[in-house]
Amino acid sequence: MKVGIHVGSLPNGSSDSYINGVTPPTSSKSVPEPSNLFGVGLAFGIATLFKANNDKKWKEVKIKA
C-alpha cells in the first residue's frame, strides 16, 4: 500500500509531493495473463458442471420423495 501527500503553500509559492514505499526493481517478472485467464475459465466451467450435476440429482431426489 502506498500513501501520497501533496504539500502546497510552501515558501515562494512552491509545492511538493511525497510517496512512501520502496521502488520495485526494474527487472520484475511479467504476469502470465493467458494462463491465468485459462485457469479461471476452467475453474468456472468445472464449477458449473458440478452445480448442474448436483441440481439434477437434487431434482431426482425431490421427485422420488
N, C-alpha and C. Protein backbone atom coordinates (compact mmCIF):
# COMPACT_ATOMS: atom_id res chain seq x y z
N MET A 1 0.84 -1.16 0.00
CA MET A 1 0.00 0.00 0.00
C MET A 1 0.89 1.23 0.00
N LYS A 2 0.55 2.18 -0.82
CA LYS A 2 1.31 3.42 -0.88
C LYS A 2 0.42 4.58 -0.47
N VAL A 3 1.05 5.55 0.18
CA VAL A 3 0.34 6.76 0.60
C VAL A 3 1.08 7.94 0.01
N GLY A 4 0.34 8.83 -0.62
CA GLY A 4 0.94 10.02 -1.21
C GLY A 4 0.39 11.28 -0.58
N ILE A 5 1.23 12.25 -0.39
CA ILE A 5 0.83 13.53 0.20
C ILE A 5 1.33 14.65 -0.70
N HIS A 6 0.47 15.60 -1.01
CA HIS A 6 0.85 16.77 -1.78
C HIS A 6 0.83 17.96 -0.84
N VAL A 7 1.97 18.60 -0.69
CA VAL A 7 2.09 19.74 0.21
C VAL A 7 2.13 21.01 -0.63
N GLY A 8 1.24 21.91 -0.34
CA GLY A 8 1.19 23.17 -1.06
C GLY A 8 1.50 24.34 -0.14
N SER A 9 1.50 25.52 -0.67
CA SER A 9 1.73 26.75 0.08
C SER A 9 3.10 26.78 0.75
N LEU A 10 4.10 26.27 0.09
CA LEU A 10 5.46 26.39 0.61
C LEU A 10 6.00 27.77 0.24
N PRO A 11 7.12 28.17 0.83
CA PRO A 11 7.67 29.49 0.51
C PRO A 11 7.89 29.67 -1.00
N ASN A 12 7.72 30.88 -1.46
CA ASN A 12 7.84 31.25 -2.87
C ASN A 12 6.77 30.60 -3.75
N GLY A 13 5.64 30.18 -3.15
CA GLY A 13 4.52 29.62 -3.90
C GLY A 13 4.78 28.24 -4.48
N SER A 14 5.74 27.52 -3.96
CA SER A 14 6.05 26.18 -4.48
C SER A 14 5.24 25.11 -3.75
N SER A 15 5.28 23.93 -4.28
CA SER A 15 4.62 22.79 -3.65
C SER A 15 5.50 21.56 -3.85
N ASP A 16 5.18 20.47 -3.13
CA ASP A 16 5.98 19.26 -3.21
C ASP A 16 5.08 18.05 -2.97
N SER A 17 5.50 16.90 -3.47
CA SER A 17 4.74 15.65 -3.28
C SER A 17 5.65 14.61 -2.66
N TYR A 18 5.07 13.78 -1.79
CA TYR A 18 5.81 12.72 -1.11
C TYR A 18 5.02 11.42 -1.23
N ILE A 19 5.73 10.32 -1.53
CA ILE A 19 5.12 9.00 -1.61
C ILE A 19 5.97 8.05 -0.80
N ASN A 20 5.33 7.25 0.06
CA ASN A 20 6.09 6.29 0.85
C ASN A 20 6.25 4.99 0.06
N GLY A 21 7.08 4.10 0.53
CA GLY A 21 7.24 2.79 -0.08
C GLY A 21 8.57 2.64 -0.77
N VAL A 22 8.85 1.40 -1.13
CA VAL A 22 10.09 1.06 -1.80
C VAL A 22 9.83 0.97 -3.30
N THR A 23 10.74 1.48 -4.09
CA THR A 23 10.61 1.40 -5.54
C THR A 23 10.85 -0.04 -5.98
N PRO A 24 9.93 -0.63 -6.78
CA PRO A 24 10.13 -2.01 -7.21
C PRO A 24 11.33 -2.14 -8.13
N PRO A 25 11.97 -3.28 -8.15
CA PRO A 25 13.12 -3.47 -9.03
C PRO A 25 12.70 -3.35 -10.50
N THR A 26 13.62 -2.91 -11.33
CA THR A 26 13.30 -2.70 -12.74
C THR A 26 13.19 -4.01 -13.50
N SER A 27 13.77 -5.08 -13.01
CA SER A 27 13.71 -6.36 -13.71
C SER A 27 12.67 -7.28 -13.07
N SER A 28 11.44 -6.80 -12.94
CA SER A 28 10.39 -7.64 -12.34
C SER A 28 9.80 -8.54 -13.41
N LYS A 29 9.29 -9.70 -12.97
CA LYS A 29 8.69 -10.66 -13.90
C LYS A 29 7.31 -10.16 -14.33
N SER A 30 6.96 -10.45 -15.57
CA SER A 30 5.63 -10.10 -16.04
C SER A 30 4.65 -11.19 -15.61
N VAL A 31 3.40 -10.82 -15.47
CA VAL A 31 2.37 -11.76 -15.04
C VAL A 31 1.90 -12.55 -16.26
N PRO A 32 1.83 -13.86 -16.17
CA PRO A 32 1.38 -14.67 -17.30
C PRO A 32 -0.15 -14.63 -17.44
N GLU A 33 -0.65 -13.60 -18.06
CA GLU A 33 -2.09 -13.39 -18.16
C GLU A 33 -2.86 -14.50 -18.87
N PRO A 34 -2.42 -14.99 -20.03
CA PRO A 34 -3.22 -16.01 -20.71
C PRO A 34 -3.46 -17.25 -19.86
N SER A 35 -2.44 -17.69 -19.14
CA SER A 35 -2.63 -18.89 -18.32
C SER A 35 -3.55 -18.60 -17.13
N ASN A 36 -3.50 -17.40 -16.59
CA ASN A 36 -4.42 -17.04 -15.51
C ASN A 36 -5.85 -17.07 -16.01
N LEU A 37 -6.08 -16.48 -17.18
CA LEU A 37 -7.43 -16.46 -17.73
C LEU A 37 -7.92 -17.87 -18.04
N PHE A 38 -7.04 -18.71 -18.57
CA PHE A 38 -7.42 -20.10 -18.84
C PHE A 38 -7.79 -20.82 -17.54
N GLY A 39 -7.00 -20.62 -16.50
CA GLY A 39 -7.27 -21.28 -15.22
C GLY A 39 -8.58 -20.83 -14.61
N VAL A 40 -8.87 -19.54 -14.67
CA VAL A 40 -10.13 -19.03 -14.12
C VAL A 40 -11.30 -19.57 -14.93
N GLY A 41 -11.18 -19.58 -16.25
CA GLY A 41 -12.25 -20.12 -17.10
C GLY A 41 -12.49 -21.59 -16.83
N LEU A 42 -11.41 -22.35 -16.67
CA LEU A 42 -11.53 -23.77 -16.37
C LEU A 42 -12.21 -24.00 -15.02
N ALA A 43 -11.85 -23.20 -14.04
CA ALA A 43 -12.46 -23.35 -12.71
C ALA A 43 -13.96 -23.05 -12.76
N PHE A 44 -14.34 -21.97 -13.46
CA PHE A 44 -15.77 -21.66 -13.56
C PHE A 44 -16.51 -22.73 -14.35
N GLY A 45 -15.89 -23.28 -15.39
CA GLY A 45 -16.52 -24.33 -16.18
C GLY A 45 -16.76 -25.58 -15.36
N ILE A 46 -15.76 -26.00 -14.61
CA ILE A 46 -15.91 -27.18 -13.76
C ILE A 46 -16.95 -26.95 -12.68
N ALA A 47 -16.93 -25.76 -12.08
CA ALA A 47 -17.92 -25.45 -11.04
C ALA A 47 -19.33 -25.48 -11.61
N THR A 48 -19.50 -24.99 -12.83
CA THR A 48 -20.82 -25.00 -13.47
C THR A 48 -21.28 -26.43 -13.72
N LEU A 49 -20.36 -27.29 -14.18
CA LEU A 49 -20.73 -28.69 -14.41
C LEU A 49 -21.13 -29.38 -13.11
N PHE A 50 -20.38 -29.15 -12.04
CA PHE A 50 -20.73 -29.77 -10.76
C PHE A 50 -22.06 -29.26 -10.25
N LYS A 51 -22.32 -27.97 -10.43
CA LYS A 51 -23.59 -27.41 -9.96
C LYS A 51 -24.75 -28.00 -10.75
N ALA A 52 -24.58 -28.12 -12.07
CA ALA A 52 -25.64 -28.70 -12.91
C ALA A 52 -25.89 -30.14 -12.52
N ASN A 53 -24.83 -30.89 -12.27
CA ASN A 53 -24.96 -32.28 -11.86
C ASN A 53 -25.66 -32.39 -10.51
N ASN A 54 -25.30 -31.53 -9.58
CA ASN A 54 -25.89 -31.54 -8.25
C ASN A 54 -27.37 -31.16 -8.32
N ASP A 55 -27.71 -30.17 -9.15
CA ASP A 55 -29.10 -29.77 -9.30
C ASP A 55 -29.93 -30.90 -9.88
N LYS A 56 -29.37 -31.63 -10.84
CA LYS A 56 -30.08 -32.75 -11.47
C LYS A 56 -30.35 -33.84 -10.43
N LYS A 57 -29.34 -34.17 -9.61
CA LYS A 57 -29.53 -35.17 -8.57
C LYS A 57 -30.56 -34.71 -7.55
N TRP A 58 -30.55 -33.42 -7.20
CA TRP A 58 -31.48 -32.89 -6.21
C TRP A 58 -32.91 -32.99 -6.72
N LYS A 59 -33.13 -32.72 -8.03
CA LYS A 59 -34.46 -32.82 -8.61
C LYS A 59 -34.93 -34.26 -8.60
N GLU A 60 -34.04 -35.24 -8.88
CA GLU A 60 -34.41 -36.65 -8.85
C GLU A 60 -34.83 -37.06 -7.44
N VAL A 61 -34.09 -36.63 -6.44
CA VAL A 61 -34.43 -36.97 -5.05
C VAL A 61 -35.75 -36.32 -4.67
N LYS A 62 -35.98 -35.08 -5.11
CA LYS A 62 -37.20 -34.38 -4.79
C LYS A 62 -38.42 -35.06 -5.42
N ILE A 63 -38.27 -35.57 -6.65
CA ILE A 63 -39.37 -36.24 -7.32
C ILE A 63 -39.70 -37.56 -6.64
N LYS A 64 -38.70 -38.30 -6.19
CA LYS A 64 -38.92 -39.59 -5.52
C LYS A 64 -39.58 -39.41 -4.17
N ALA A 65 -39.41 -38.30 -3.52
CA ALA A 65 -39.93 -38.08 -2.17
C ALA A 65 -41.42 -37.87 -2.15
